[in-house]
Amino acid sequence: MLDPADIPDHSETSSEEKKHHDSVAINDGHYQLPQERNFVGRLRHKLREPLAEFIATCVMIVLGDGVVAQVVLSDNAKGQYLSISFGWCFAVMCAIYIAGGISGAHLNPAVTLCMAVWRGFPWRKVPAYWLAQFLGALTGAAIVFADYRKAISSFAGEGVYTVTGTNATAGLFSTYPAAFMTPEGSFFSEVLGTCILLLVILGQADDHNMHAAKNSPLVVAFTVAGIGISLGWETGYAINPARDFGPRCFAAMAGYGSEVFTNSGSYTWVPIIGPFVGAVLAGLIYEILIDSESNRSRLTHSHI
């Protein structure tokens, strides 16, 4: 979600710089040349971007699903809907600070798709980013479940994991629409929320617009809060396929069963397809109404 121009260049040191580095090291008796990376180090360096996406997405879900769990399981004694909106705001902010300088902190397959379609992000990196985001979200949900397991049992009953009803707790992990929502209405809501999110991401990363630079985490985080406060009630504002599908898969494995996929008219597809459509649509809108040639060249990840 950061401007790629702000991401540190991880290219190898030039031969001239290396010679200078070596000469300094030789003249300094207290300096030791860095050792060659072992296999684990080389693998970690090669996968540094997906690994950054994984851990950042995991932390985002721990804090985001965690605030939902605290509010719901305390029966609103330890927070209300506004707490959830700002909890997710801070969750996104922390995640961007973790991975922004390494991977750009997409944290969201819809963001990755938008950057690949409209901003030159390499398509060869897309599968690794998507997998890392999904696994990070699934892992984050598992951590929240482990942390709140006793609270879930106290709230719903020992070993009771339900999707619907007064003691339902599946909504701690993934999103479900309000009872009055239709699939079409839910789809539109997810498209709308994601479109707004990506318009802000594109605008704040535009050097010829209101470029946010190091304030990007705050801008994006408060955008998420704004979406939650204004548009979140109807669907729970997933606006992120990994954020919803990863925890949903974990809930199915943890005891909630296949109902997490079939409830509300097989709602699962909405928070997956809706954000993808909204993200691509946002890129198209920005391209037509705001984008410039200089901005298009600036927002490329080709140098990574």
C-alpha atoms as a PDB file:
ATOM      1  CA  MET A   1       0.000   0.000   0.000  1.00  0.00           C
ATOM      2  CA  LEU A   2       3.079   2.197   0.072  1.00  0.00           C
ATOM      3  CA  ASP A   3       4.490   4.001  -2.930  1.00  0.00           C
ATOM      4  CA  PRO A   4       6.981   1.575  -4.498  1.00  0.00           C
ATOM      5  CA  ALA A   5       9.420   4.447  -4.882  1.00  0.00           C
ATOM      6  CA  ASP A   6       9.656   4.573  -1.112  1.00  0.00           C
ATOM      7  CA  ILE A   7      10.575   0.888  -0.845  1.00  0.00           C
ATOM      8  CA  PRO A   8      14.277   0.296  -0.221  1.00  0.00           C
ATOM      9  CA  ASP A   9      16.194  -0.992  -3.234  1.00  0.00           C
ATOM     10  CA  HIS A  10      17.361  -4.540  -2.468  1.00  0.00           C
ATOM     11  CA  SER A  11      19.613  -4.843  -5.524  1.00  0.00           C
ATOM     12  CA  GLU A  12      23.077  -6.269  -5.042  1.00  0.00           C
ATOM     13  CA  THR A  13      25.936  -3.898  -4.223  1.00  0.00           C
ATOM     14  CA  SER A  14      27.889  -2.814  -7.298  1.00  0.00           C
ATOM     15  CA  SER A  15      31.405  -4.103  -7.818  1.00  0.00           C
ATOM     16  CA  GLU A  16      32.921  -0.653  -7.229  1.00  0.00           C
ATOM     17  CA  GLU A  17      31.005  -0.209  -3.981  1.00  0.00           C
ATOM     18  CA  LYS A  18      32.067  -3.702  -2.903  1.00  0.00           C
ATOM     19  CA  LYS A  19      35.739  -2.902  -3.580  1.00  0.00           C
ATOM     20  CA  HIS A  20      35.452   0.259  -1.516  1.00  0.00           C
ATOM     21  CA  HIS A  21      33.669  -1.675   1.221  1.00  0.00           C
ATOM     22  CA  ASP A  22      36.394  -4.310   1.246  1.00  0.00           C
ATOM     23  CA  SER A  23      39.174  -1.703   1.404  1.00  0.00           C
ATOM     24  CA  VAL A  24      37.546  -0.080   4.396  1.00  0.00           C
ATOM     25  CA  ALA A  25      37.200  -3.458   6.057  1.00  0.00           C
ATOM     26  CA  ILE A  26      40.849  -4.326   5.460  1.00  0.00           C
ATOM     27  CA  ASN A  27      42.044  -1.027   6.916  1.00  0.00           C
ATOM     28  CA  ASP A  28      39.877  -1.432   9.986  1.00  0.00           C
ATOM     29  CA  GLY A  29      41.133  -4.173  12.261  1.00  0.00           C
ATOM     30  CA  HIS A  30      37.885  -4.235  14.190  1.00  0.00           C
ATOM     31  CA  TYR A  31      35.696  -4.783  11.123  1.00  0.00           C
ATOM     32  CA  GLN A  32      34.823  -8.237   9.825  1.00  0.00           C
ATOM     33  CA  LEU A  33      33.398  -8.865   6.401  1.00  0.00           C
ATOM     34  CA  PRO A  34      29.852 -10.281   6.492  1.00  0.00           C
ATOM     35  CA  GLN A  35      29.686 -14.023   6.017  1.00  0.00           C
ATOM     36  CA  GLU A  36      27.940 -15.598   3.054  1.00  0.00           C
ATOM     37  CA  ARG A  37      24.302 -16.471   3.659  1.00  0.00           C
ATOM     38  CA  ASN A  38      23.554 -20.108   4.378  1.00  0.00           C
ATOM     39  CA  PHE A  39      20.705 -21.933   2.658  1.00  0.00           C
ATOM     40  CA  VAL A  40      18.088 -20.640   5.105  1.00  0.00           C
ATOM     41  CA  GLY A  41      19.359 -17.092   4.746  1.00  0.00           C
ATOM     42  CA  ARG A  42      19.336 -17.247   0.947  1.00  0.00           C
ATOM     43  CA  LEU A  43      15.823 -18.711   0.929  1.00  0.00           C
ATOM     44  CA  ARG A  44      14.561 -16.062   3.359  1.00  0.00           C
ATOM     45  CA  HIS A  45      16.137 -13.322   1.238  1.00  0.00           C
ATOM     46  CA  LYS A  46      14.535 -14.702  -1.917  1.00  0.00           C
ATOM     47  CA  LEU A  47      11.122 -14.963  -0.253  1.00  0.00           C
ATOM     48  CA  ARG A  48      11.371 -11.763   1.783  1.00  0.00           C
ATOM     49  CA  GLU A  49       8.379 -10.139   0.070  1.00  0.00           C
ATOM     50  CA  PRO A  50       5.892 -13.040   0.479  1.00  0.00           C
ATOM     51  CA  LEU A  51       7.148 -13.614   4.024  1.00  0.00           C
ATOM     52  CA  ALA A  52       6.560  -9.952   4.820  1.00  0.00           C
ATOM     53  CA  GLU A  53       3.032 -10.221   3.392  1.00  0.00           C
ATOM     54  CA  PHE A  54       2.436 -13.336   5.475  1.00  0.00           C
ATOM     55  CA  ILE A  55       3.464 -11.939   8.847  1.00  0.00           C
ATOM     56  CA  ALA A  56       1.866  -8.536   8.257  1.00  0.00           C
ATOM     57  CA  THR A  57      -1.448 -10.076   7.182  1.00  0.00           C
ATOM     58  CA  CYS A  58      -1.289 -12.419  10.165  1.00  0.00           C
ATOM     59  CA  VAL A  59      -0.848  -9.505  12.582  1.00  0.00           C
ATOM     60  CA  MET A  60      -3.648  -7.592  10.864  1.00  0.00           C
ATOM     61  CA  ILE A  61      -6.052 -10.490  11.414  1.00  0.00           C
ATOM     62  CA  VAL A  62      -4.927 -11.048  15.002  1.00  0.00           C
ATOM     63  CA  LEU A  63      -5.729  -7.434  15.865  1.00  0.00           C
ATOM     64  CA  GLY A  64      -8.784  -7.149  13.596  1.00  0.00           C
ATOM     65  CA  ASP A  65     -10.530 -10.406  14.468  1.00  0.00           C
ATOM     66  CA  GLY A  66      -9.312  -9.887  18.020  1.00  0.00           C
ATOM     67  CA  VAL A  67     -11.272  -6.678  18.472  1.00  0.00           C
ATOM     68  CA  VAL A  68     -14.393  -8.355  17.062  1.00  0.00           C
ATOM     69  CA  ALA A  69     -13.947 -11.200  19.534  1.00  0.00           C
ATOM     70  CA  GLN A  70     -13.503  -8.818  22.463  1.00  0.00           C
ATOM     71  CA  VAL A  71     -16.639  -6.822  21.634  1.00  0.00           C
ATOM     72  CA  VAL A  72     -18.881  -9.795  20.837  1.00  0.00           C
ATOM     73  CA  LEU A  73     -17.747 -12.160  23.579  1.00  0.00           C
ATOM     74  CA  SER A  74     -17.982  -9.456  26.237  1.00  0.00           C
ATOM     75  CA  ASP A  75     -21.536  -8.706  25.048  1.00  0.00           C
ATOM     76  CA  ASN A  76     -20.486  -5.133  24.220  1.00  0.00           C
ATOM     77  CA  ALA A  77     -19.100  -4.577  27.722  1.00  0.00           C
ATOM     78  CA  LYS A  78     -15.561  -4.142  26.338  1.00  0.00           C
ATOM     79  CA  GLY A  79     -16.377  -2.128  23.240  1.00  0.00           C
ATOM     80  CA  GLN A  80     -19.005  -1.403  20.623  1.00  0.00           C
ATOM     81  CA  TYR A  81     -19.220  -1.179  16.824  1.00  0.00           C
ATOM     82  CA  LEU A  82     -17.026   1.916  16.797  1.00  0.00           C
ATOM     83  CA  SER A  83     -14.370  -0.094  18.634  1.00  0.00           C
ATOM     84  CA  ILE A  84     -14.414  -2.628  15.804  1.00  0.00           C
ATOM     85  CA  SER A  85     -14.053   0.074  13.151  1.00  0.00           C
ATOM     86  CA  PHE A  86     -11.060   1.649  14.847  1.00  0.00           C
ATOM     87  CA  GLY A  87      -9.649  -1.729  15.870  1.00  0.00           C
ATOM     88  CA  TRP A  88      -9.430  -2.678  12.210  1.00  0.00           C
ATOM     89  CA  CYS A  89      -8.000   0.759  11.470  1.00  0.00           C
ATOM     90  CA  PHE A  90      -5.112   0.197  13.872  1.00  0.00           C
ATOM     91  CA  ALA A  91      -4.712  -3.396  12.682  1.00  0.00           C
ATOM     92  CA  VAL A  92      -4.137  -2.217   9.115  1.00  0.00           C
ATOM     93  CA  MET A  93      -1.791   0.548  10.261  1.00  0.00           C
ATOM     94  CA  CYS A  94       0.385  -1.865  12.256  1.00  0.00           C
ATOM     95  CA  ALA A  95       0.500  -4.323   9.360  1.00  0.00           C
ATOM     96  CA  ILE A  96       1.640  -1.658   6.891  1.00  0.00           C
ATOM     97  CA  TYR A  97       4.413  -0.583   9.239  1.00  0.00           C
ATOM     98  CA  ILE A  98       5.573  -4.206   9.441  1.00  0.00           C
ATOM     99  CA  ALA A  99       5.795  -4.916   5.707  1.00  0.00           C
ATOM    100  CA  GLY A 100       5.574  -1.592   3.878  1.00  0.00           C
ATOM    101  CA  GLY A 101       9.296  -1.257   3.234  1.00  0.00           C
ATOM    102  CA  ILE A 102       9.689  -4.840   2.030  1.00  0.00           C
ATOM    103  CA  SER A 103       6.640  -5.849   0.011  1.00  0.00           C
ATOM    104  CA  GLY A 104       4.628  -2.644  -0.229  1.00  0.00           C
ATOM    105  CA  ALA A 105       2.206  -4.135   2.340  1.00  0.00           C
ATOM    106  CA  HIS A 106      -0.592  -5.092  -0.009  1.00  0.00           C
ATOM    107  CA  LEU A 107      -2.178  -7.311   2.678  1.00  0.00           C
ATOM    108  CA  ASN A 108      -5.048  -7.856   0.280  1.00  0.00           C
ATOM    109  CA  PRO A 109      -5.275  -9.906  -2.941  1.00  0.00           C
ATOM    110  CA  ALA A 110      -7.530  -7.212  -4.409  1.00  0.00           C
ATOM    111  CA  VAL A 111      -4.784  -4.610  -3.919  1.00  0.00           C
ATOM    112  CA  THR A 112      -2.247  -6.929  -5.522  1.00  0.00           C
ATOM    113  CA  LEU A 113      -4.553  -7.497  -8.499  1.00  0.00           C
ATOM    114  CA  CYS A 114      -5.145  -3.773  -8.957  1.00  0.00           C
ATOM    115  CA  MET A 115      -1.408  -3.060  -8.895  1.00  0.00           C
ATOM    116  CA  ALA A 116      -0.757  -5.851 -11.397  1.00  0.00           C
ATOM    117  CA  VAL A 117      -3.485  -4.672 -13.793  1.00  0.00           C
ATOM    118  CA  TRP A 118      -2.906  -0.919 -13.564  1.00  0.00           C
ATOM    119  CA  ARG A 119       0.476  -0.205 -12.003  1.00  0.00           C
ATOM    120  CA  GLY A 120       2.983  -2.639 -13.468  1.00  0.00           C
ATOM    121  CA  PHE A 121       3.320  -4.942 -10.476  1.00  0.00           C
ATOM    122  CA  PRO A 122       4.930  -8.138 -11.880  1.00  0.00           C
ATOM    123  CA  TRP A 123       2.344 -10.841 -12.570  1.00  0.00           C
ATOM    124  CA  ARG A 124       4.923 -13.474 -11.664  1.00  0.00           C
ATOM    125  CA  LYS A 125       4.766 -12.253  -8.059  1.00  0.00           C
ATOM    126  CA  VAL A 126       0.978 -12.299  -7.792  1.00  0.00           C
ATOM    127  CA  PRO A 127       0.517 -16.023  -6.881  1.00  0.00           C
ATOM    128  CA  ALA A 128       3.118 -15.823  -4.098  1.00  0.00           C
ATOM    129  CA  TYR A 129       1.545 -12.671  -2.675  1.00  0.00           C
ATOM    130  CA  TRP A 130      -1.953 -14.197  -2.773  1.00  0.00           C
ATOM    131  CA  LEU A 131      -0.798 -17.406  -1.096  1.00  0.00           C
ATOM    132  CA  ALA A 132       1.103 -15.494   1.593  1.00  0.00           C
ATOM    133  CA  GLN A 133      -1.896 -13.277   2.304  1.00  0.00           C
ATOM    134  CA  PHE A 134      -4.267 -16.252   2.543  1.00  0.00           C
ATOM    135  CA  LEU A 135      -1.964 -18.243   4.823  1.00  0.00           C
ATOM    136  CA  GLY A 136      -1.286 -15.179   6.952  1.00  0.00           C
ATOM    137  CA  ALA A 137      -5.016 -14.589   7.409  1.00  0.00           C
ATOM    138  CA  LEU A 138      -5.648 -18.249   8.231  1.00  0.00           C
ATOM    139  CA  THR A 139      -2.816 -18.276  10.758  1.00  0.00           C
ATOM    140  CA  GLY A 140      -4.027 -15.047  12.330  1.00  0.00           C
ATOM    141  CA  ALA A 141      -7.506 -16.533  12.797  1.00  0.00           C
ATOM    142  CA  ALA A 142      -5.976 -19.610  14.443  1.00  0.00           C
ATOM    143  CA  ILE A 143      -4.104 -17.386  16.890  1.00  0.00           C
ATOM    144  CA  VAL A 144      -7.272 -15.474  17.769  1.00  0.00           C
ATOM    145  CA  PHE A 145      -9.132 -18.765  18.285  1.00  0.00           C
ATOM    146  CA  ALA A 146      -6.397 -20.040  20.582  1.00  0.00           C
ATOM    147  CA  ASP A 147      -6.371 -16.810  22.562  1.00  0.00           C
ATOM    148  CA  TYR A 148     -10.155 -16.541  22.905  1.00  0.00           C
ATOM    149  CA  ARG A 149     -11.059 -20.233  23.124  1.00  0.00           C
ATOM    150  CA  LYS A 150     -12.091 -20.031  26.782  1.00  0.00           C
ATOM    151  CA  ALA A 151     -14.083 -16.876  26.127  1.00  0.00           C
ATOM    152  CA  ILE A 152     -15.876 -18.582  23.229  1.00  0.00           C
ATOM    153  CA  SER A 153     -16.718 -21.524  25.471  1.00  0.00           C
ATOM    154  CA  SER A 154     -17.979 -19.183  28.195  1.00  0.00           C
ATOM    155  CA  PHE A 155     -20.115 -17.292  25.694  1.00  0.00           C
ATOM    156  CA  ALA A 156     -21.571 -20.182  23.664  1.00  0.00           C
ATOM    157  CA  GLY A 157     -20.884 -23.309  25.709  1.00  0.00           C
ATOM    158  CA  GLU A 158     -18.007 -25.757  25.825  1.00  0.00           C
ATOM    159  CA  GLY A 159     -17.331 -27.112  22.355  1.00  0.00           C
ATOM    160  CA  VAL A 160     -20.277 -25.192  20.844  1.00  0.00           C
ATOM    161  CA  TYR A 161     -19.300 -23.527  17.590  1.00  0.00           C
ATOM    162  CA  THR A 162     -22.296 -22.128  15.754  1.00  0.00           C
ATOM    163  CA  VAL A 163     -22.753 -19.938  12.697  1.00  0.00           C
ATOM    164  CA  THR A 164     -26.253 -18.641  13.443  1.00  0.00           C
ATOM    165  CA  GLY A 165     -28.326 -17.943  16.538  1.00  0.00           C
ATOM    166  CA  THR A 166     -27.941 -15.786  19.645  1.00  0.00           C
ATOM    167  CA  ASN A 167     -24.680 -17.491  20.633  1.00  0.00           C
ATOM    168  CA  ALA A 168     -23.158 -17.612  17.154  1.00  0.00           C
ATOM    169  CA  THR A 169     -19.413 -16.985  17.092  1.00  0.00           C
ATOM    170  CA  ALA A 170     -18.447 -17.717  13.478  1.00  0.00           C
ATOM    171  CA  GLY A 171     -18.692 -13.990  12.799  1.00  0.00           C
ATOM    172  CA  LEU A 172     -15.613 -13.477  14.958  1.00  0.00           C
ATOM    173  CA  PHE A 173     -13.518 -14.755  12.084  1.00  0.00           C
ATOM    174  CA  SER A 174     -15.190 -13.853   8.795  1.00  0.00           C
ATOM    175  CA  THR A 175     -18.015 -11.651   7.549  1.00  0.00           C
ATOM    176  CA  TYR A 176     -21.723 -12.391   7.191  1.00  0.00           C
ATOM    177  CA  PRO A 177     -24.403 -10.091   5.744  1.00  0.00           C
ATOM    178  CA  ALA A 178     -27.272  -8.550   7.666  1.00  0.00           C
ATOM    179  CA  ALA A 179     -30.459 -10.608   7.473  1.00  0.00           C
ATOM    180  CA  PHE A 180     -32.179  -8.162   5.119  1.00  0.00           C
ATOM    181  CA  MET A 181     -29.362  -8.161   2.545  1.00  0.00           C
ATOM    182  CA  THR A 182     -29.665  -9.852  -0.834  1.00  0.00           C
ATOM    183  CA  PRO A 183     -26.633 -11.371  -2.612  1.00  0.00           C
ATOM    184  CA  GLU A 184     -26.812  -8.585  -5.186  1.00  0.00           C
ATOM    185  CA  GLY A 185     -26.917  -5.893  -2.514  1.00  0.00           C
ATOM    186  CA  SER A 186     -24.054  -7.494  -0.605  1.00  0.00           C
ATOM    187  CA  PHE A 187     -21.984  -7.742  -3.768  1.00  0.00           C
ATOM    188  CA  PHE A 188     -22.569  -4.070  -4.551  1.00  0.00           C
ATOM    189  CA  SER A 189     -21.581  -3.088  -1.004  1.00  0.00           C
ATOM    190  CA  GLU A 190     -18.293  -5.008  -1.208  1.00  0.00           C
ATOM    191  CA  VAL A 191     -17.511  -3.575  -4.640  1.00  0.00           C
ATOM    192  CA  LEU A 192     -18.236  -0.056  -3.393  1.00  0.00           C
ATOM    193  CA  GLY A 193     -16.135  -0.326  -0.229  1.00  0.00           C
ATOM    194  CA  THR A 194     -13.157  -1.844  -2.028  1.00  0.00           C
ATOM    195  CA  CYS A 195     -13.371   0.687  -4.839  1.00  0.00           C
ATOM    196  CA  ILE A 196     -13.147   3.559  -2.356  1.00  0.00           C
ATOM    197  CA  LEU A 197     -10.240   1.882  -0.563  1.00  0.00           C
ATOM    198  CA  LEU A 198      -8.250   1.494  -3.789  1.00  0.00           C
ATOM    199  CA  LEU A 199      -9.028   5.006  -4.993  1.00  0.00           C
ATOM    200  CA  VAL A 200      -7.466   6.345  -1.794  1.00  0.00           C
ATOM    201  CA  ILE A 201      -4.501   3.975  -2.061  1.00  0.00           C
ATOM    202  CA  LEU A 202      -3.843   5.096  -5.630  1.00  0.00           C
ATOM    203  CA  GLY A 203      -4.328   8.763  -4.791  1.00  0.00           C
ATOM    204  CA  GLN A 204      -2.068   8.803  -1.739  1.00  0.00           C
ATOM    205  CA  ALA A 205       0.670   7.038  -3.707  1.00  0.00           C
ATOM    206  CA  ASP A 206       0.442   9.497  -6.606  1.00  0.00           C
ATOM    207  CA  ASP A 207       3.361  11.933  -6.652  1.00  0.00           C
ATOM    208  CA  HIS A 208       1.214  14.339  -8.688  1.00  0.00           C
ATOM    209  CA  ASN A 209      -1.678  14.169  -6.252  1.00  0.00           C
ATOM    210  CA  MET A 210      -1.659  14.184  -2.412  1.00  0.00           C
ATOM    211  CA  HIS A 211       1.359  11.909  -2.079  1.00  0.00           C
ATOM    212  CA  ALA A 212       1.386  10.601   1.507  1.00  0.00           C
ATOM    213  CA  ALA A 213       4.885   9.054   1.544  1.00  0.00           C
ATOM    214  CA  LYS A 214       5.709   7.928   5.100  1.00  0.00           C
ATOM    215  CA  ASN A 215       2.192   8.838   6.254  1.00  0.00           C
ATOM    216  CA  SER A 216       0.738   6.138   4.011  1.00  0.00           C
ATOM    217  CA  PRO A 217      -0.022   3.735   6.908  1.00  0.00           C
ATOM    218  CA  LEU A 218      -2.154   6.366   8.629  1.00  0.00           C
ATOM    219  CA  VAL A 219      -3.969   7.392   5.446  1.00  0.00           C
ATOM    220  CA  VAL A 220      -4.872   3.837   4.468  1.00  0.00           C
ATOM    221  CA  ALA A 221      -5.760   2.858   8.037  1.00  0.00           C
ATOM    222  CA  PHE A 222      -8.154   5.748   8.524  1.00  0.00           C
ATOM    223  CA  THR A 223      -9.689   4.999   5.135  1.00  0.00           C
ATOM    224  CA  VAL A 224     -10.490   1.503   6.411  1.00  0.00           C
ATOM    225  CA  ALA A 225     -12.032   3.068   9.524  1.00  0.00           C
ATOM    226  CA  GLY A 226     -14.095   5.423   7.375  1.00  0.00           C
ATOM    227  CA  ILE A 227     -15.385   2.548   5.266  1.00  0.00           C
ATOM    228  CA  GLY A 228     -16.316   0.617   8.385  1.00  0.00           C
ATOM    229  CA  ILE A 229     -18.109   3.559   9.972  1.00  0.00           C
ATOM    230  CA  SER A 230     -19.989   4.509   6.802  1.00  0.00           C
ATOM    231  CA  LEU A 231     -20.501   1.258   4.874  1.00  0.00           C
ATOM    232  CA  GLY A 232     -19.655  -1.596   7.210  1.00  0.00           C
ATOM    233  CA  TRP A 233     -22.982  -2.524   8.759  1.00  0.00           C
ATOM    234  CA  GLU A 234     -24.565  -4.362   5.834  1.00  0.00           C
ATOM    235  CA  THR A 235     -21.838  -6.911   5.075  1.00  0.00           C
ATOM    236  CA  GLY A 236     -19.126  -6.478   7.707  1.00  0.00           C
ATOM    237  CA  TYR A 237     -16.934  -4.792   5.050  1.00  0.00           C
ATOM    238  CA  ALA A 238     -14.507  -7.592   4.191  1.00  0.00           C
ATOM    239  CA  ILE A 239     -13.076  -5.538   1.268  1.00  0.00           C
ATOM    240  CA  ASN A 240     -10.310  -8.147   1.215  1.00  0.00           C
ATOM    241  CA  PRO A 241     -10.648 -11.724  -0.098  1.00  0.00           C
ATOM    242  CA  ALA A 242      -7.847 -13.103   2.094  1.00  0.00           C
ATOM    243  CA  ARG A 243      -9.119 -11.371   5.238  1.00  0.00           C
ATOM    244  CA  ASP A 244     -12.447 -13.192   4.825  1.00  0.00           C
ATOM    245  CA  PHE A 245     -11.623 -16.505   3.151  1.00  0.00           C
ATOM    246  CA  GLY A 246      -8.576 -17.428   5.249  1.00  0.00           C
ATOM    247  CA  PRO A 247     -10.380 -17.110   8.613  1.00  0.00           C
ATOM    248  CA  ARG A 248     -13.482 -18.723   7.102  1.00  0.00           C
ATOM    249  CA  CYS A 249     -11.440 -21.784   6.131  1.00  0.00           C
ATOM    250  CA  PHE A 250      -9.921 -21.911   9.607  1.00  0.00           C
ATOM    251  CA  ALA A 251     -13.376 -21.705  11.227  1.00  0.00           C
ATOM    252  CA  ALA A 252     -14.518 -24.658   9.133  1.00  0.00           C
ATOM    253  CA  MET A 253     -11.525 -26.679  10.343  1.00  0.00           C
ATOM    254  CA  ALA A 254     -11.919 -25.538  13.964  1.00  0.00           C
ATOM    255  CA  GLY A 255     -15.396 -27.007  14.378  1.00  0.00           C
ATOM    256  CA  TYR A 256     -17.860 -24.652  12.718  1.00  0.00           C
ATOM    257  CA  GLY A 257     -18.115 -26.992   9.744  1.00  0.00           C
ATOM    258  CA  SER A 258     -19.194 -26.425   6.173  1.00  0.00           C
ATOM    259  CA  GLU A 259     -21.994 -24.085   7.234  1.00  0.00           C
ATOM    260  CA  VAL A 260     -19.497 -21.236   7.206  1.00  0.00           C
ATOM    261  CA  PHE A 261     -19.465 -21.615   3.412  1.00  0.00           C
ATOM    262  CA  THR A 262     -23.157 -22.336   2.808  1.00  0.00           C
ATOM    263  CA  ASN A 263     -24.831 -19.912   5.226  1.00  0.00           C
ATOM    264  CA  SER A 264     -26.677 -16.849   3.875  1.00  0.00           C
ATOM    265  CA  GLY A 265     -27.156 -18.373   0.441  1.00  0.00           C
ATOM    266  CA  SER A 266     -23.557 -19.542   0.028  1.00  0.00           C
ATOM    267  CA  TYR A 267     -22.346 -16.043   0.783  1.00  0.00           C
ATOM    268  CA  THR A 268     -18.672 -17.017   0.577  1.00  0.00           C
ATOM    269  CA  TRP A 269     -18.239 -15.869  -3.015  1.00  0.00           C
ATOM    270  CA  VAL A 270     -19.319 -12.273  -2.295  1.00  0.00           C
ATOM    271  CA  PRO A 271     -16.332 -11.142  -0.153  1.00  0.00           C
ATOM    272  CA  ILE A 272     -14.010 -12.834  -2.651  1.00  0.00           C
ATOM    273  CA  ILE A 273     -15.322 -11.670  -6.026  1.00  0.00           C
ATOM    274  CA  GLY A 274     -16.693  -8.312  -4.850  1.00  0.00           C
ATOM    275  CA  PRO A 275     -13.333  -6.904  -3.705  1.00  0.00           C
ATOM    276  CA  PHE A 276     -11.583  -8.080  -6.868  1.00  0.00           C
ATOM    277  CA  VAL A 277     -14.165  -6.309  -9.031  1.00  0.00           C
ATOM    278  CA  GLY A 278     -14.055  -3.186  -6.861  1.00  0.00           C
ATOM    279  CA  ALA A 279     -10.252  -3.012  -7.005  1.00  0.00           C
ATOM    280  CA  VAL A 280     -10.034  -3.314 -10.788  1.00  0.00           C
ATOM    281  CA  LEU A 281     -12.882  -0.814 -11.152  1.00  0.00           C
ATOM    282  CA  ALA A 282     -11.032   1.662  -8.917  1.00  0.00           C
ATOM    283  CA  GLY A 283      -7.962   1.402 -11.111  1.00  0.00           C
ATOM    284  CA  LEU A 284     -10.059   2.059 -14.201  1.00  0.00           C
ATOM    285  CA  ILE A 285     -11.744   5.077 -12.624  1.00  0.00           C
ATOM    286  CA  TYR A 286      -8.415   6.525 -11.504  1.00  0.00           C
ATOM    287  CA  GLU A 287      -6.893   5.859 -14.916  1.00  0.00           C
ATOM    288  CA  ILE A 288      -9.696   7.662 -16.736  1.00  0.00           C
ATOM    289  CA  LEU A 289     -10.385  10.562 -14.403  1.00  0.00           C
ATOM    290  CA  ILE A 290      -7.147  11.318 -12.555  1.00  0.00           C
ATOM    291  CA  ASP A 291      -4.109   9.413 -13.803  1.00  0.00           C
ATOM    292  CA  SER A 292      -1.193  10.987 -15.649  1.00  0.00           C
ATOM    293  CA  GLU A 293       1.685   9.574 -17.658  1.00  0.00           C
ATOM    294  CA  SER A 294       4.247  10.599 -15.056  1.00  0.00           C
ATOM    295  CA  ASN A 295       2.197   8.974 -12.309  1.00  0.00           C
ATOM    296  CA  ARG A 296       1.910   5.787 -14.326  1.00  0.00           C
ATOM    297  CA  SER A 297       5.694   5.505 -14.624  1.00  0.00           C
ATOM    298  CA  ARG A 298       6.221   6.294 -10.941  1.00  0.00           C
ATOM    299  CA  LEU A 299       3.876   3.642  -9.610  1.00  0.00           C
ATOM    300  CA  THR A 300       5.688   0.643 -11.031  1.00  0.00           C
ATOM    301  CA  HIS A 301       7.254  -2.184  -9.086  1.00  0.00           C
ATOM    302  CA  SER A 302       9.544  -3.183 -11.943  1.00  0.00           C
ATOM    303  CA  HIS A 303      12.650  -2.073 -10.026  1.00  0.00           C
ATOM    304  CA  ILE A 304      12.000  -4.518  -7.174  1.00  0.00           C
END
